């Protein structure tokens, strides 16, 4: 069973790279860095699943569950806002069609987006750290740290892309909002 489990995660990692092949050829795109976030999160998930329900009420499991539920809420609400208020924008050069939903025709500044520029990225960060707390150790901390640094790079590149798309309106929006988590960063 362990070999099958390991092979499944290797295949998933390769599939993520396959879906992001265009981004891999363009280190200037936000998708390039986002792939490292996805791969680090996949490693954290691979490590967390065997202990998912172990010590259910331990303090670190409670932190994990809290982060995972907040991440799920942020993801779902962000997707809803992008669909309902952003409209469908044109795909950016080199972007995979799988992620074209994030290109909106108009700048979304309501709901979660009133306070945070990247709530879906916040969700990915919380997801990675929630997985870390399922099995908190040095390797998990390194993987979650890589996910955090890669997410920061992803957001910075995407902000440049958004400045090119929305201009001064986005620059003003950047001044009024936090990147990931209000009052933190």
C-alpha atoms as a PDB file:
ATOM      1  CA  UNK A   1       0.000   0.000   0.000  1.00  0.00           C
ATOM      2  CA  UNK A   2       2.849   2.413   0.751  1.00  0.00           C
ATOM      3  CA  UNK A   3       4.359   2.033  -2.706  1.00  0.00           C
ATOM      4  CA  UNK A   4       0.982   2.695  -4.348  1.00  0.00           C
ATOM      5  CA  UNK A   5       0.444   5.697  -2.083  1.00  0.00           C
ATOM      6  CA  UNK A   6       3.887   7.089  -2.961  1.00  0.00           C
ATOM      7  CA  UNK A   7       3.380   6.486  -6.689  1.00  0.00           C
ATOM      8  CA  UNK A   8       0.036   8.275  -6.562  1.00  0.00           C
ATOM      9  CA  UNK A   9       1.648  11.403  -5.125  1.00  0.00           C
ATOM     10  CA  UNK A  10       4.527  11.254  -7.596  1.00  0.00           C
ATOM     11  CA  UNK A  11       1.969  11.084 -10.410  1.00  0.00           C
ATOM     12  CA  UNK A  12       0.035  13.998  -8.915  1.00  0.00           C
ATOM     13  CA  UNK A  13       3.231  16.063  -8.714  1.00  0.00           C
ATOM     14  CA  UNK A  14       4.011  15.279 -12.349  1.00  0.00           C
ATOM     15  CA  UNK A  15       0.416  16.109 -13.315  1.00  0.00           C
ATOM     16  CA  UNK A  16       0.722  19.510 -11.624  1.00  0.00           C
ATOM     17  CA  UNK A  17       3.912  20.155 -13.582  1.00  0.00           C
ATOM     18  CA  UNK A  18       2.170  18.981 -16.749  1.00  0.00           C
ATOM     19  CA  UNK A  19      -0.768  21.329 -16.238  1.00  0.00           C
ATOM     20  CA  UNK A  20       1.679  24.168 -15.612  1.00  0.00           C
ATOM     21  CA  UNK A  21       4.061  23.418 -18.474  1.00  0.00           C
ATOM     22  CA  UNK A  22       3.608  26.846 -20.069  1.00  0.00           C
ATOM     23  CA  UNK A  23       4.439  28.566 -16.809  1.00  0.00           C
ATOM     24  CA  UNK A  24       7.556  26.449 -16.395  1.00  0.00           C
ATOM     25  CA  UNK A  25       8.850  27.942 -19.639  1.00  0.00           C
ATOM     26  CA  UNK A  26       8.168  31.487 -18.401  1.00  0.00           C
ATOM     27  CA  UNK A  27       9.790  32.317 -15.032  1.00  0.00           C
ATOM     28  CA  UNK A  28       8.366  35.828 -15.381  1.00  0.00           C
ATOM     29  CA  UNK A  29       4.789  34.581 -14.972  1.00  0.00           C
ATOM     30  CA  UNK A  30       3.040  34.168 -11.664  1.00  0.00           C
ATOM     31  CA  UNK A  31       2.199  30.577 -12.597  1.00  0.00           C
ATOM     32  CA  UNK A  32       5.885  29.648 -12.468  1.00  0.00           C
ATOM     33  CA  UNK A  33       6.141  30.430  -8.766  1.00  0.00           C
ATOM     34  CA  UNK A  34       2.636  29.190  -7.987  1.00  0.00           C
ATOM     35  CA  UNK A  35       3.657  25.722  -9.188  1.00  0.00           C
ATOM     36  CA  UNK A  36       6.197  25.581  -6.350  1.00  0.00           C
ATOM     37  CA  UNK A  37       3.408  26.442  -3.898  1.00  0.00           C
ATOM     38  CA  UNK A  38       1.275  23.617  -5.282  1.00  0.00           C
ATOM     39  CA  UNK A  39       4.166  21.146  -5.184  1.00  0.00           C
ATOM     40  CA  UNK A  40       5.084  22.101  -1.599  1.00  0.00           C
ATOM     41  CA  UNK A  41       1.423  21.769  -0.568  1.00  0.00           C
ATOM     42  CA  UNK A  42       1.281  18.372  -2.262  1.00  0.00           C
ATOM     43  CA  UNK A  43       4.344  17.258  -0.274  1.00  0.00           C
ATOM     44  CA  UNK A  44       2.694  18.505   2.921  1.00  0.00           C
ATOM     45  CA  UNK A  45      -0.527  16.652   2.031  1.00  0.00           C
ATOM     46  CA  UNK A  46       1.420  13.458   1.287  1.00  0.00           C
ATOM     47  CA  UNK A  47       3.039  13.694   4.717  1.00  0.00           C
ATOM     48  CA  UNK A  48      -0.194  14.660   6.524  1.00  0.00           C
ATOM     49  CA  UNK A  49      -2.632  12.054   5.234  1.00  0.00           C
ATOM     50  CA  UNK A  50      -1.264   9.123   7.270  1.00  0.00           C
ATOM     51  CA  UNK A  51      -1.758  11.118  10.493  1.00  0.00           C
ATOM     52  CA  UNK A  52      -4.869  13.048   9.423  1.00  0.00           C
ATOM     53  CA  UNK A  53      -7.032  11.833  12.317  1.00  0.00           C
ATOM     54  CA  UNK A  54      -4.282  10.878  14.780  1.00  0.00           C
ATOM     55  CA  UNK A  55      -4.462  12.701  18.105  1.00  0.00           C
ATOM     56  CA  UNK A  56      -7.655  14.435  16.944  1.00  0.00           C
ATOM     57  CA  UNK A  57      -7.903  16.846  19.831  1.00  0.00           C
ATOM     58  CA  UNK A  58      -4.231  17.644  20.262  1.00  0.00           C
ATOM     59  CA  UNK A  59      -3.509  21.387  20.207  1.00  0.00           C
ATOM     60  CA  UNK A  60      -1.607  21.144  16.905  1.00  0.00           C
ATOM     61  CA  UNK A  61      -4.501  19.258  15.278  1.00  0.00           C
ATOM     62  CA  UNK A  62      -6.924  21.951  16.421  1.00  0.00           C
ATOM     63  CA  UNK A  63      -4.684  24.624  14.876  1.00  0.00           C
ATOM     64  CA  UNK A  64      -4.551  22.541  11.705  1.00  0.00           C
ATOM     65  CA  UNK A  65      -8.328  22.166  11.463  1.00  0.00           C
ATOM     66  CA  UNK A  66      -8.868  25.855  12.119  1.00  0.00           C
ATOM     67  CA  UNK A  67      -6.455  26.874   9.361  1.00  0.00           C
ATOM     68  CA  UNK A  68      -7.893  24.319   6.913  1.00  0.00           C
ATOM     69  CA  UNK A  69     -11.490  25.467   7.462  1.00  0.00           C
ATOM     70  CA  UNK A  70     -10.580  29.148   7.102  1.00  0.00           C
ATOM     71  CA  UNK A  71      -8.640  28.276   3.922  1.00  0.00           C
ATOM     72  CA  UNK A  72     -11.671  26.496   2.482  1.00  0.00           C
ATOM     73  CA  UNK A  73     -13.931  29.467   3.245  1.00  0.00           C
ATOM     74  CA  UNK A  74     -11.478  31.942   1.685  1.00  0.00           C
ATOM     75  CA  UNK A  75     -11.139  29.830  -1.439  1.00  0.00           C
ATOM     76  CA  UNK A  76     -14.859  29.325  -2.002  1.00  0.00           C
ATOM     77  CA  UNK A  77     -15.802  32.922  -1.234  1.00  0.00           C
ATOM     78  CA  UNK A  78     -13.007  34.277  -3.445  1.00  0.00           C
ATOM     79  CA  UNK A  79     -14.100  32.118  -6.362  1.00  0.00           C
ATOM     80  CA  UNK A  80     -17.673  33.280  -5.899  1.00  0.00           C
ATOM     81  CA  UNK A  81     -16.627  36.944  -5.900  1.00  0.00           C
ATOM     82  CA  UNK A  82     -14.436  36.570  -8.975  1.00  0.00           C
ATOM     83  CA  UNK A  83     -17.244  34.868 -10.888  1.00  0.00           C
ATOM     84  CA  UNK A  84     -20.073  37.127  -9.747  1.00  0.00           C
ATOM     85  CA  UNK A  85     -18.334  40.519  -9.724  1.00  0.00           C
ATOM     86  CA  UNK A  86     -15.255  40.293 -11.920  1.00  0.00           C
ATOM     87  CA  UNK A  87     -16.570  39.066 -15.243  1.00  0.00           C
ATOM     88  CA  UNK A  88     -14.386  37.019 -17.558  1.00  0.00           C
ATOM     89  CA  UNK A  89     -11.236  38.746 -18.741  1.00  0.00           C
ATOM     90  CA  UNK A  90      -8.867  37.720 -21.489  1.00  0.00           C
ATOM     91  CA  UNK A  91      -6.210  35.109 -20.777  1.00  0.00           C
ATOM     92  CA  UNK A  92      -2.728  36.465 -20.274  1.00  0.00           C
ATOM     93  CA  UNK A  93       0.087  35.350 -22.559  1.00  0.00           C
ATOM     94  CA  UNK A  94       1.584  32.041 -21.453  1.00  0.00           C
ATOM     95  CA  UNK A  95      -1.238  31.299 -19.020  1.00  0.00           C
ATOM     96  CA  UNK A  96      -2.767  27.848 -18.794  1.00  0.00           C
ATOM     97  CA  UNK A  97      -6.439  27.705 -19.722  1.00  0.00           C
ATOM     98  CA  UNK A  98      -7.058  25.862 -16.429  1.00  0.00           C
ATOM     99  CA  UNK A  99      -6.412  29.058 -14.480  1.00  0.00           C
ATOM    100  CA  UNK A 100      -8.039  31.585 -16.813  1.00  0.00           C
ATOM    101  CA  UNK A 101     -10.879  32.113 -14.273  1.00  0.00           C
ATOM    102  CA  UNK A 102      -8.597  34.394 -12.289  1.00  0.00           C
ATOM    103  CA  UNK A 103      -8.480  36.948 -15.130  1.00  0.00           C
ATOM    104  CA  UNK A 104     -11.375  39.293 -14.572  1.00  0.00           C
ATOM    105  CA  UNK A 105     -12.690  41.999 -16.858  1.00  0.00           C
ATOM    106  CA  UNK A 106     -13.029  44.386 -13.928  1.00  0.00           C
ATOM    107  CA  UNK A 107     -11.138  44.872 -10.693  1.00  0.00           C
ATOM    108  CA  UNK A 108     -12.954  43.180  -7.795  1.00  0.00           C
ATOM    109  CA  UNK A 109     -12.786  45.331  -4.655  1.00  0.00           C
ATOM    110  CA  UNK A 110     -15.708  44.064  -2.589  1.00  0.00           C
ATOM    111  CA  UNK A 111     -16.152  41.283  -0.071  1.00  0.00           C
ATOM    112  CA  UNK A 112     -12.835  39.740   0.924  1.00  0.00           C
ATOM    113  CA  UNK A 113     -11.140  41.755  -1.802  1.00  0.00           C
ATOM    114  CA  UNK A 114     -11.929  44.934   0.141  1.00  0.00           C
ATOM    115  CA  UNK A 115      -9.204  44.012   2.641  1.00  0.00           C
ATOM    116  CA  UNK A 116      -6.991  41.469   0.868  1.00  0.00           C
ATOM    117  CA  UNK A 117      -5.664  41.573  -2.711  1.00  0.00           C
ATOM    118  CA  UNK A 118      -5.071  37.835  -2.934  1.00  0.00           C
ATOM    119  CA  UNK A 119      -7.588  35.899  -0.814  1.00  0.00           C
ATOM    120  CA  UNK A 120      -7.118  32.736  -2.895  1.00  0.00           C
ATOM    121  CA  UNK A 121      -3.390  32.911  -2.259  1.00  0.00           C
ATOM    122  CA  UNK A 122      -4.170  33.491   1.408  1.00  0.00           C
ATOM    123  CA  UNK A 123      -6.213  30.298   1.245  1.00  0.00           C
ATOM    124  CA  UNK A 124      -3.259  28.419  -0.242  1.00  0.00           C
ATOM    125  CA  UNK A 125      -0.966  29.746   2.483  1.00  0.00           C
ATOM    126  CA  UNK A 126      -3.386  28.744   5.228  1.00  0.00           C
ATOM    127  CA  UNK A 127      -3.849  25.360   3.541  1.00  0.00           C
ATOM    128  CA  UNK A 128      -0.082  24.769   3.491  1.00  0.00           C
ATOM    129  CA  UNK A 129       0.328  25.788   7.126  1.00  0.00           C
ATOM    130  CA  UNK A 130      -2.766  23.795   8.098  1.00  0.00           C
ATOM    131  CA  UNK A 131      -1.155  20.736   6.521  1.00  0.00           C
ATOM    132  CA  UNK A 132       2.086  21.515   8.327  1.00  0.00           C
ATOM    133  CA  UNK A 133       0.270  21.454  11.678  1.00  0.00           C
ATOM    134  CA  UNK A 134      -1.100  17.976  10.909  1.00  0.00           C
ATOM    135  CA  UNK A 135       2.490  16.747  11.240  1.00  0.00           C
ATOM    136  CA  UNK A 136       4.650  19.571  12.597  1.00  0.00           C
ATOM    137  CA  UNK A 137       8.341  18.830  12.109  1.00  0.00           C
ATOM    138  CA  UNK A 138      11.422  20.266  10.411  1.00  0.00           C
ATOM    139  CA  UNK A 139      10.726  18.885   6.909  1.00  0.00           C
ATOM    140  CA  UNK A 140       7.148  20.124   7.069  1.00  0.00           C
ATOM    141  CA  UNK A 141       8.346  23.529   8.267  1.00  0.00           C
ATOM    142  CA  UNK A 142      10.761  23.741   5.342  1.00  0.00           C
ATOM    143  CA  UNK A 143       8.020  22.773   2.878  1.00  0.00           C
ATOM    144  CA  UNK A 144       5.587  25.304   4.377  1.00  0.00           C
ATOM    145  CA  UNK A 145       8.352  27.940   4.300  1.00  0.00           C
ATOM    146  CA  UNK A 146       9.014  27.194   0.615  1.00  0.00           C
ATOM    147  CA  UNK A 147       5.269  27.491  -0.059  1.00  0.00           C
ATOM    148  CA  UNK A 148       5.192  30.852   1.737  1.00  0.00           C
ATOM    149  CA  UNK A 149       8.191  32.273  -0.141  1.00  0.00           C
ATOM    150  CA  UNK A 150       6.903  30.976  -3.473  1.00  0.00           C
ATOM    151  CA  UNK A 151       3.475  32.481  -2.736  1.00  0.00           C
ATOM    152  CA  UNK A 152       5.070  35.829  -2.004  1.00  0.00           C
ATOM    153  CA  UNK A 153       6.921  35.669  -5.340  1.00  0.00           C
ATOM    154  CA  UNK A 154       3.688  34.614  -7.071  1.00  0.00           C
ATOM    155  CA  UNK A 155       1.791  37.576  -5.649  1.00  0.00           C
ATOM    156  CA  UNK A 156       4.501  40.067  -6.569  1.00  0.00           C
ATOM    157  CA  UNK A 157       4.578  38.899 -10.179  1.00  0.00           C
ATOM    158  CA  UNK A 158       0.787  38.863 -10.386  1.00  0.00           C
ATOM    159  CA  UNK A 159       0.656  42.386  -8.987  1.00  0.00           C
ATOM    160  CA  UNK A 160       2.908  43.541 -11.835  1.00  0.00           C
ATOM    161  CA  UNK A 161       0.560  41.801 -14.272  1.00  0.00           C
ATOM    162  CA  UNK A 162      -2.461  43.444 -12.632  1.00  0.00           C
ATOM    163  CA  UNK A 163      -0.797  46.859 -12.805  1.00  0.00           C
ATOM    164  CA  UNK A 164      -0.347  46.312 -16.536  1.00  0.00           C
ATOM    165  CA  UNK A 165      -4.002  45.295 -16.870  1.00  0.00           C
ATOM    166  CA  UNK A 166      -5.775  47.739 -14.529  1.00  0.00           C
ATOM    167  CA  UNK A 167      -3.217  50.569 -14.283  1.00  0.00           C
ATOM    168  CA  UNK A 168      -3.605  53.290 -11.659  1.00  0.00           C
ATOM    169  CA  UNK A 169      -6.818  51.753 -10.317  1.00  0.00           C
ATOM    170  CA  UNK A 170      -4.808  48.720  -9.204  1.00  0.00           C
ATOM    171  CA  UNK A 171      -1.988  50.869  -7.811  1.00  0.00           C
ATOM    172  CA  UNK A 172      -4.568  52.719  -5.679  1.00  0.00           C
ATOM    173  CA  UNK A 173      -6.121  49.386  -4.677  1.00  0.00           C
ATOM    174  CA  UNK A 174      -2.680  48.144  -3.546  1.00  0.00           C
ATOM    175  CA  UNK A 175      -2.377  51.133  -1.217  1.00  0.00           C
ATOM    176  CA  UNK A 176      -5.719  50.338   0.462  1.00  0.00           C
ATOM    177  CA  UNK A 177      -5.360  46.585   0.914  1.00  0.00           C
ATOM    178  CA  UNK A 178      -3.109  43.961   2.455  1.00  0.00           C
ATOM    179  CA  UNK A 179      -1.441  41.374   0.271  1.00  0.00           C
ATOM    180  CA  UNK A 180      -2.550  38.214   2.134  1.00  0.00           C
ATOM    181  CA  UNK A 181      -3.676  38.726   5.713  1.00  0.00           C
ATOM    182  CA  UNK A 182      -5.010  42.009   7.150  1.00  0.00           C
ATOM    183  CA  UNK A 183      -2.692  43.602   9.695  1.00  0.00           C
ATOM    184  CA  UNK A 184      -0.030  40.944   9.049  1.00  0.00           C
ATOM    185  CA  UNK A 185       1.125  41.127   5.415  1.00  0.00           C
END
